[in-house]
Structures are given as C-alpha cells and as structure tokens.
C-alpha cells in the first residue's frame, strides 16, 4: 500500500467525545470539531484535567531563569 492509500484510510479518535473520524476532515485536530476542542480547553481552564506533578517539582522552576 502506498503513502496516499494509507493516508486515505487512516482514522483518528477524538479525545473528547470518542468519535472516529478522518484526520483530514477536521479543522480542529486532534479533535473532531471546534466544539470538542473548546470543551477540552474548558476542562484545562477549570483544572478538571492537568499534567501530573511530583511533590517538590514546583521548586525546580525559577522564573528568574526565564526572560519574561
């Protein structure tokens, strides 16, 4: 199977709603729609989801080390 054929049959799963869709059909990759992208953003902003942090990791970052 050549590259174009594999690309045409590739499918993705939306991390928000679980729908299976063709990656080229979505303007909001890796989500199936802008709505699912907005739902995911809302979850991050409401701190419903976050990256895991080990105790003491906060001290590893010193803002003085960055040009902000």
PDB file of N, CA and C in Angstrom:
ATOM      1  N   UNK A   1       0.857  -1.178   0.000  1.00  0.00           N
ATOM      2  CA  UNK A   1       0.000   0.000   0.000  1.00  0.00           C
ATOM      3  C   UNK A   1       0.904   1.242   0.000  1.00  0.00           C
ATOM      4  N   UNK A   2       0.637   2.163  -0.900  1.00  0.00           N
ATOM      5  CA  UNK A   2       1.463   3.365  -0.980  1.00  0.00           C
ATOM      6  C   UNK A   2       1.005   4.422   0.038  1.00  0.00           C
ATOM      7  N   UNK A   3       1.786   5.481   0.141  1.00  0.00           N
ATOM      8  CA  UNK A   3       1.546   6.527   1.135  1.00  0.00           C
ATOM      9  C   UNK A   3       0.156   7.142   1.018  1.00  0.00           C
ATOM     10  N   UNK A   4      -0.274   7.481  -0.169  1.00  0.00           N
ATOM     11  CA  UNK A   4      -1.582   8.123  -0.357  1.00  0.00           C
ATOM     12  C   UNK A   4      -2.721   7.198   0.056  1.00  0.00           C
ATOM     13  N   UNK A   5      -2.612   5.927  -0.257  1.00  0.00           N
ATOM     14  CA  UNK A   5      -3.659   4.975   0.116  1.00  0.00           C
ATOM     15  C   UNK A   5      -3.730   4.818   1.635  1.00  0.00           C
ATOM     16  N   UNK A   6      -2.575   4.744   2.293  1.00  0.00           N
ATOM     17  CA  UNK A   6      -2.573   4.636   3.758  1.00  0.00           C
ATOM     18  C   UNK A   6      -3.144   5.898   4.387  1.00  0.00           C
ATOM     19  N   UNK A   7      -2.789   7.033   3.829  1.00  0.00           N
ATOM     20  CA  UNK A   7      -3.284   8.303   4.357  1.00  0.00           C
ATOM     21  C   UNK A   7      -4.802   8.399   4.225  1.00  0.00           C
ATOM     22  N   UNK A   8      -5.336   7.908   3.122  1.00  0.00           N
ATOM     23  CA  UNK A   8      -6.775   7.968   2.878  1.00  0.00           C
ATOM     24  C   UNK A   8      -7.558   7.064   3.824  1.00  0.00           C
ATOM     25  N   UNK A   9      -6.948   5.984   4.299  1.00  0.00           N
ATOM     26  CA  UNK A   9      -7.659   5.051   5.173  1.00  0.00           C
ATOM     27  C   UNK A   9      -7.372   5.282   6.651  1.00  0.00           C
ATOM     28  N   UNK A  10      -6.487   6.213   6.979  1.00  0.00           N
ATOM     29  CA  UNK A  10      -6.133   6.479   8.370  1.00  0.00           C
ATOM     30  C   UNK A  10      -7.319   7.100   9.110  1.00  0.00           C
ATOM     31  N   UNK A  11      -7.468   6.749  10.366  1.00  0.00           N
ATOM     32  CA  UNK A  11      -8.553   7.283  11.184  1.00  0.00           C
ATOM     33  C   UNK A  11      -7.997   7.763  12.517  1.00  0.00           C
ATOM     34  N   UNK A  12      -8.671   8.739  13.102  1.00  0.00           N
ATOM     35  CA  UNK A  12      -8.308   9.253  14.420  1.00  0.00           C
ATOM     36  C   UNK A  12      -9.516   9.150  15.335  1.00  0.00           C
ATOM     37  N   UNK A  13      -9.258   9.135  16.630  1.00  0.00           N
ATOM     38  CA  UNK A  13     -10.325   9.118  17.623  1.00  0.00           C
ATOM     39  C   UNK A  13     -10.270  10.423  18.408  1.00  0.00           C
ATOM     40  N   UNK A  14     -11.391  11.099  18.500  1.00  0.00           N
ATOM     41  CA  UNK A  14     -11.463  12.368  19.226  1.00  0.00           C
ATOM     42  C   UNK A  14     -11.264  12.098  20.720  1.00  0.00           C
ATOM     43  N   UNK A  15     -10.314  12.789  21.368  1.00  0.00           N
ATOM     44  CA  UNK A  15     -10.079  12.558  22.792  1.00  0.00           C
ATOM     45  C   UNK A  15     -11.208  13.074  23.689  1.00  0.00           C
ATOM     46  N   UNK A  16     -12.087  13.908  23.156  1.00  0.00           N
ATOM     47  CA  UNK A  16     -13.180  14.454  23.961  1.00  0.00           C
ATOM     48  C   UNK A  16     -14.430  13.590  23.902  1.00  0.00           C
ATOM     49  N   UNK A  17     -14.885  13.264  22.692  1.00  0.00           N
ATOM     50  CA  UNK A  17     -16.151  12.535  22.565  1.00  0.00           C
ATOM     51  C   UNK A  17     -15.986  11.090  22.112  1.00  0.00           C
ATOM     52  N   UNK A  18     -14.804  10.726  21.609  1.00  0.00           N
ATOM     53  CA  UNK A  18     -14.549   9.345  21.208  1.00  0.00           C
ATOM     54  C   UNK A  18     -14.975   8.987  19.799  1.00  0.00           C
ATOM     55  N   UNK A  19     -15.489   9.935  19.037  1.00  0.00           N
ATOM     56  CA  UNK A  19     -15.912   9.644  17.670  1.00  0.00           C
ATOM     57  C   UNK A  19     -14.681   9.358  16.801  1.00  0.00           C
ATOM     58  N   UNK A  20     -14.837   8.430  15.864  1.00  0.00           N
ATOM     59  CA  UNK A  20     -13.763   8.098  14.929  1.00  0.00           C
ATOM     60  C   UNK A  20     -13.984   8.925  13.665  1.00  0.00           C
ATOM     61  N   UNK A  21     -12.916   9.583  13.180  1.00  0.00           N
ATOM     62  CA  UNK A  21     -13.052  10.464  12.017  1.00  0.00           C
ATOM     63  C   UNK A  21     -11.780  10.442  11.192  1.00  0.00           C
ATOM     64  N   UNK A  22     -11.887  10.896   9.957  1.00  0.00           N
ATOM     65  CA  UNK A  22     -10.724  11.007   9.077  1.00  0.00           C
ATOM     66  C   UNK A  22      -9.972  12.280   9.454  1.00  0.00           C
ATOM     67  N   UNK A  23      -8.667  12.195   9.729  1.00  0.00           N
ATOM     68  CA  UNK A  23      -7.907  13.368  10.167  1.00  0.00           C
ATOM     69  C   UNK A  23      -8.028  14.577   9.236  1.00  0.00           C
ATOM     70  N   UNK A  24      -8.083  14.368   7.943  1.00  0.00           N
ATOM     71  CA  UNK A  24      -8.179  15.476   7.006  1.00  0.00           C
ATOM     72  C   UNK A  24      -9.525  16.168   7.011  1.00  0.00           C
ATOM     73  N   UNK A  25     -10.519  15.563   7.658  1.00  0.00           N
ATOM     74  CA  UNK A  25     -11.858  16.139   7.657  1.00  0.00           C
ATOM     75  C   UNK A  25     -12.086  17.113   8.810  1.00  0.00           C
ATOM     76  N   UNK A  26     -11.114  17.251   9.699  1.00  0.00           N
ATOM     77  CA  UNK A  26     -11.292  18.110  10.865  1.00  0.00           C
ATOM     78  C   UNK A  26     -10.386  19.330  10.793  1.00  0.00           C
ATOM     79  N   UNK A  27     -10.960  20.486  11.067  1.00  0.00           N
ATOM     80  CA  UNK A  27     -10.170  21.715  11.141  1.00  0.00           C
ATOM     81  C   UNK A  27      -9.659  21.937  12.566  1.00  0.00           C
ATOM     82  N   UNK A  28      -9.978  21.010  13.469  1.00  0.00           N
ATOM     83  CA  UNK A  28      -9.631  21.185  14.881  1.00  0.00           C
ATOM     84  C   UNK A  28      -8.796  20.024  15.419  1.00  0.00           C
ATOM     85  N   UNK A  29      -7.941  19.445  14.578  1.00  0.00           N
ATOM     86  CA  UNK A  29      -7.135  18.295  15.005  1.00  0.00           C
ATOM     87  C   UNK A  29      -6.423  18.578  16.316  1.00  0.00           C
ATOM     88  N   UNK A  30      -6.340  17.661  17.247  1.00  0.00           N
ATOM     89  CA  UNK A  30      -6.704  16.249  17.150  1.00  0.00           C
ATOM     90  C   UNK A  30      -8.156  15.978  17.516  1.00  0.00           C
ATOM     91  N   UNK A  31      -8.975  17.013  17.571  1.00  0.00           N
ATOM     92  CA  UNK A  31     -10.383  16.871  17.911  1.00  0.00           C
ATOM     93  C   UNK A  31     -11.222  16.770  16.648  1.00  0.00           C
ATOM     94  N   UNK A  32     -12.434  16.218  16.787  1.00  0.00           N
ATOM     95  CA  UNK A  32     -13.290  16.038  15.613  1.00  0.00           C
ATOM     96  C   UNK A  32     -13.977  17.337  15.203  1.00  0.00           C
ATOM     97  N   UNK A  33     -14.052  18.308  16.112  1.00  0.00           N
ATOM     98  CA  UNK A  33     -14.755  19.553  15.812  1.00  0.00           C
ATOM     99  C   UNK A  33     -14.255  20.680  16.717  1.00  0.00           C
ATOM    100  N   UNK A  34     -14.527  21.921  16.326  1.00  0.00           N
ATOM    101  CA  UNK A  34     -14.180  23.044  17.200  1.00  0.00           C
ATOM    102  C   UNK A  34     -14.898  22.962  18.556  1.00  0.00           C
ATOM    103  N   UNK A  35     -16.100  22.393  18.572  1.00  0.00           N
ATOM    104  CA  UNK A  35     -16.837  22.238  19.832  1.00  0.00           C
ATOM    105  C   UNK A  35     -16.063  21.360  20.811  1.00  0.00           C
ATOM    106  N   UNK A  36     -15.573  20.208  20.341  1.00  0.00           N
ATOM    107  CA  UNK A  36     -14.804  19.312  21.213  1.00  0.00           C
ATOM    108  C   UNK A  36     -13.498  19.968  21.654  1.00  0.00           C
ATOM    109  N   UNK A  37     -12.883  20.743  20.770  1.00  0.00           N
ATOM    110  CA  UNK A  37     -11.664  21.470  21.139  1.00  0.00           C
ATOM    111  C   UNK A  37     -11.966  22.465  22.262  1.00  0.00           C
ATOM    112  N   UNK A  38     -13.100  23.166  22.172  1.00  0.00           N
ATOM    113  CA  UNK A  38     -13.485  24.131  23.206  1.00  0.00           C
ATOM    114  C   UNK A  38     -13.814  23.446  24.527  1.00  0.00           C
ATOM    115  N   UNK A  39     -14.464  22.299  24.463  1.00  0.00           N
ATOM    116  CA  UNK A  39     -14.763  21.533  25.679  1.00  0.00           C
ATOM    117  C   UNK A  39     -13.469  21.146  26.375  1.00  0.00           C
ATOM    118  N   UNK A  40     -12.482  20.670  25.602  1.00  0.00           N
ATOM    119  CA  UNK A  40     -11.195  20.279  26.173  1.00  0.00           C
ATOM    120  C   UNK A  40     -10.499  21.484  26.809  1.00  0.00           C
ATOM    121  N   UNK A  41     -10.495  22.615  26.134  1.00  0.00           N
ATOM    122  CA  UNK A  41      -9.881  23.829  26.682  1.00  0.00           C
ATOM    123  C   UNK A  41     -10.554  24.221  27.995  1.00  0.00           C
ATOM    124  N   UNK A  42     -11.886  24.144  28.028  1.00  0.00           N
ATOM    125  CA  UNK A  42     -12.618  24.458  29.257  1.00  0.00           C
ATOM    126  C   UNK A  42     -12.230  23.550  30.406  1.00  0.00           C
ATOM    127  N   UNK A  43     -12.009  22.284  30.117  1.00  0.00           N
ATOM    128  CA  UNK A  43     -11.586  21.342  31.164  1.00  0.00           C
ATOM    129  C   UNK A  43     -10.221  21.718  31.722  1.00  0.00           C
ATOM    130  N   UNK A  44      -9.300  22.138  30.837  1.00  0.00           N
ATOM    131  CA  UNK A  44      -7.974  22.577  31.302  1.00  0.00           C
ATOM    132  C   UNK A  44      -8.105  23.842  32.145  1.00  0.00           C
ATOM    133  N   UNK A  45      -8.882  24.815  31.664  1.00  0.00           N
ATOM    134  CA  UNK A  45      -9.009  26.088  32.368  1.00  0.00           C
ATOM    135  C   UNK A  45      -9.715  25.944  33.712  1.00  0.00           C
ATOM    136  N   UNK A  46     -10.643  24.992  33.812  1.00  0.00           N
ATOM    137  CA  UNK A  46     -11.338  24.727  35.077  1.00  0.00           C
ATOM    138  C   UNK A  46     -10.560  23.767  35.973  1.00  0.00           C
ATOM    139  N   UNK A  47      -9.360  23.388  35.518  1.00  0.00           N
ATOM    140  CA  UNK A  47      -8.473  22.480  36.243  1.00  0.00           C
ATOM    141  C   UNK A  47      -9.109  21.123  36.515  1.00  0.00           C
ATOM    142  N   UNK A  48     -10.010  20.687  35.599  1.00  0.00           N
ATOM    143  CA  UNK A  48     -10.573  19.342  35.687  1.00  0.00           C
ATOM    144  C   UNK A  48      -9.544  18.314  35.229  1.00  0.00           C
ATOM    145  N   UNK A  49      -8.631  18.741  34.353  1.00  0.00           N
ATOM    146  CA  UNK A  49      -7.519  17.897  33.922  1.00  0.00           C
ATOM    147  C   UNK A  49      -6.237  18.705  34.060  1.00  0.00           C
ATOM    148  N   UNK A  50      -5.141  18.004  34.286  1.00  0.00           N
ATOM    149  CA  UNK A  50      -3.851  18.682  34.424  1.00  0.00           C
ATOM    150  C   UNK A  50      -2.739  17.680  34.194  1.00  0.00           C
ATOM    151  N   UNK A  51      -1.541  18.179  34.090  1.00  0.00           N
ATOM    152  CA  UNK A  51      -0.373  17.317  33.980  1.00  0.00           C
ATOM    153  C   UNK A  51       0.035  16.873  35.377  1.00  0.00           C
ATOM    154  N   UNK A  52       0.440  15.620  35.524  1.00  0.00           N
ATOM    155  CA  UNK A  52       0.847  15.155  36.852  1.00  0.00           C
ATOM    156  C   UNK A  52       2.137  15.844  37.302  1.00  0.00           C
ATOM    157  N   UNK A  53       2.177  16.198  38.574  1.00  0.00           N
ATOM    158  CA  UNK A  53       3.348  16.854  39.148  1.00  0.00           C
ATOM    159  C   UNK A  53       3.749  16.090  40.403  1.00  0.00           C
ATOM    160  N   UNK A  54       5.014  15.784  40.506  1.00  0.00           N
ATOM    161  CA  UNK A  54       5.537  15.122  41.702  1.00  0.00           C
ATOM    162  C   UNK A  54       5.754  16.168  42.791  1.00  0.00           C
ATOM    163  N   UNK A  55       5.562  15.801  44.053  1.00  0.00           N
ATOM    164  CA  UNK A  55       5.839  16.758  45.135  1.00  0.00           C
ATOM    165  C   UNK A  55       7.271  17.281  45.024  1.00  0.00           C
ATOM    166  N   UNK A  56       7.415  18.583  45.148  1.00  0.00           N
ATOM    167  CA  UNK A  56       8.731  19.199  45.055  1.00  0.00           C
ATOM    168  C   UNK A  56       9.079  19.696  43.666  1.00  0.00           C
ATOM    169  N   UNK A  57       8.310  19.315  42.641  1.00  0.00           N
ATOM    170  CA  UNK A  57       8.600  19.750  41.275  1.00  0.00           C
ATOM    171  C   UNK A  57       8.426  21.256  41.095  1.00  0.00           C
ATOM    172  N   UNK A  58       7.558  21.868  41.889  1.00  0.00           N
ATOM    173  CA  UNK A  58       7.326  23.308  41.748  1.00  0.00           C
ATOM    174  C   UNK A  58       8.607  24.093  41.988  1.00  0.00           C
ATOM    175  N   UNK A  59       9.437  23.587  42.871  1.00  0.00           N
ATOM    176  CA  UNK A  59      10.666  24.286  43.218  1.00  0.00           C
ATOM    177  C   UNK A  59      11.712  24.206  42.115  1.00  0.00           C
ATOM    178  N   UNK A  60      11.534  23.290  41.191  1.00  0.00           N
ATOM    179  CA  UNK A  60      12.510  23.122  40.114  1.00  0.00           C
ATOM    180  C   UNK A  60      12.455  24.280  39.119  1.00  0.00           C
ATOM    181  N   UNK A  61      11.343  25.014  39.090  1.00  0.00           N
ATOM    182  CA  UNK A  61      11.185  26.122  38.151  1.00  0.00           C
ATOM    183  C   UNK A  61      11.426  27.438  38.870  1.00  0.00           C
ATOM    184  N   UNK A  62      12.353  28.200  38.376  1.00  0.00           N
ATOM    185  CA  UNK A  62      12.630  29.523  38.919  1.00  0.00           C
ATOM    186  C   UNK A  62      12.393  30.533  37.799  1.00  0.00           C
ATOM    187  N   UNK A  63      11.374  31.377  37.951  1.00  0.00           N
ATOM    188  CA  UNK A  63      11.019  32.315  36.887  1.00  0.00           C
ATOM    189  C   UNK A  63      12.142  33.298  36.580  1.00  0.00           C
ATOM    190  N   UNK A  64      13.064  33.496  37.493  1.00  0.00           N
ATOM    191  CA  UNK A  64      14.195  34.387  37.232  1.00  0.00           C
ATOM    192  C   UNK A  64      15.117  33.827  36.152  1.00  0.00           C
ATOM    193  N   UNK A  65      15.005  32.522  35.885  1.00  0.00           N
ATOM    194  CA  UNK A  65      15.826  31.891  34.848  1.00  0.00           C
ATOM    195  C   UNK A  65      15.295  32.156  33.441  1.00  0.00           C
ATOM    196  N   UNK A  66      14.100  32.740  33.339  1.00  0.00           N
ATOM    197  CA  UNK A  66      13.466  32.962  32.044  1.00  0.00           C
ATOM    198  C   UNK A  66      13.406  34.448  31.729  1.00  0.00           C
ATOM    199  N   UNK A  67      13.445  34.765  30.450  1.00  0.00           N
ATOM    200  CA  UNK A  67      13.305  36.152  30.006  1.00  0.00           C
ATOM    201  C   UNK A  67      11.830  36.436  29.780  1.00  0.00           C
ATOM    202  N   UNK A  68      11.097  36.783  30.824  1.00  0.00           N
ATOM    203  CA  UNK A  68       9.656  37.040  30.716  1.00  0.00           C
ATOM    204  C   UNK A  68       9.375  38.521  30.765  1.00  0.00           C
TER     205      UNK A  68
END
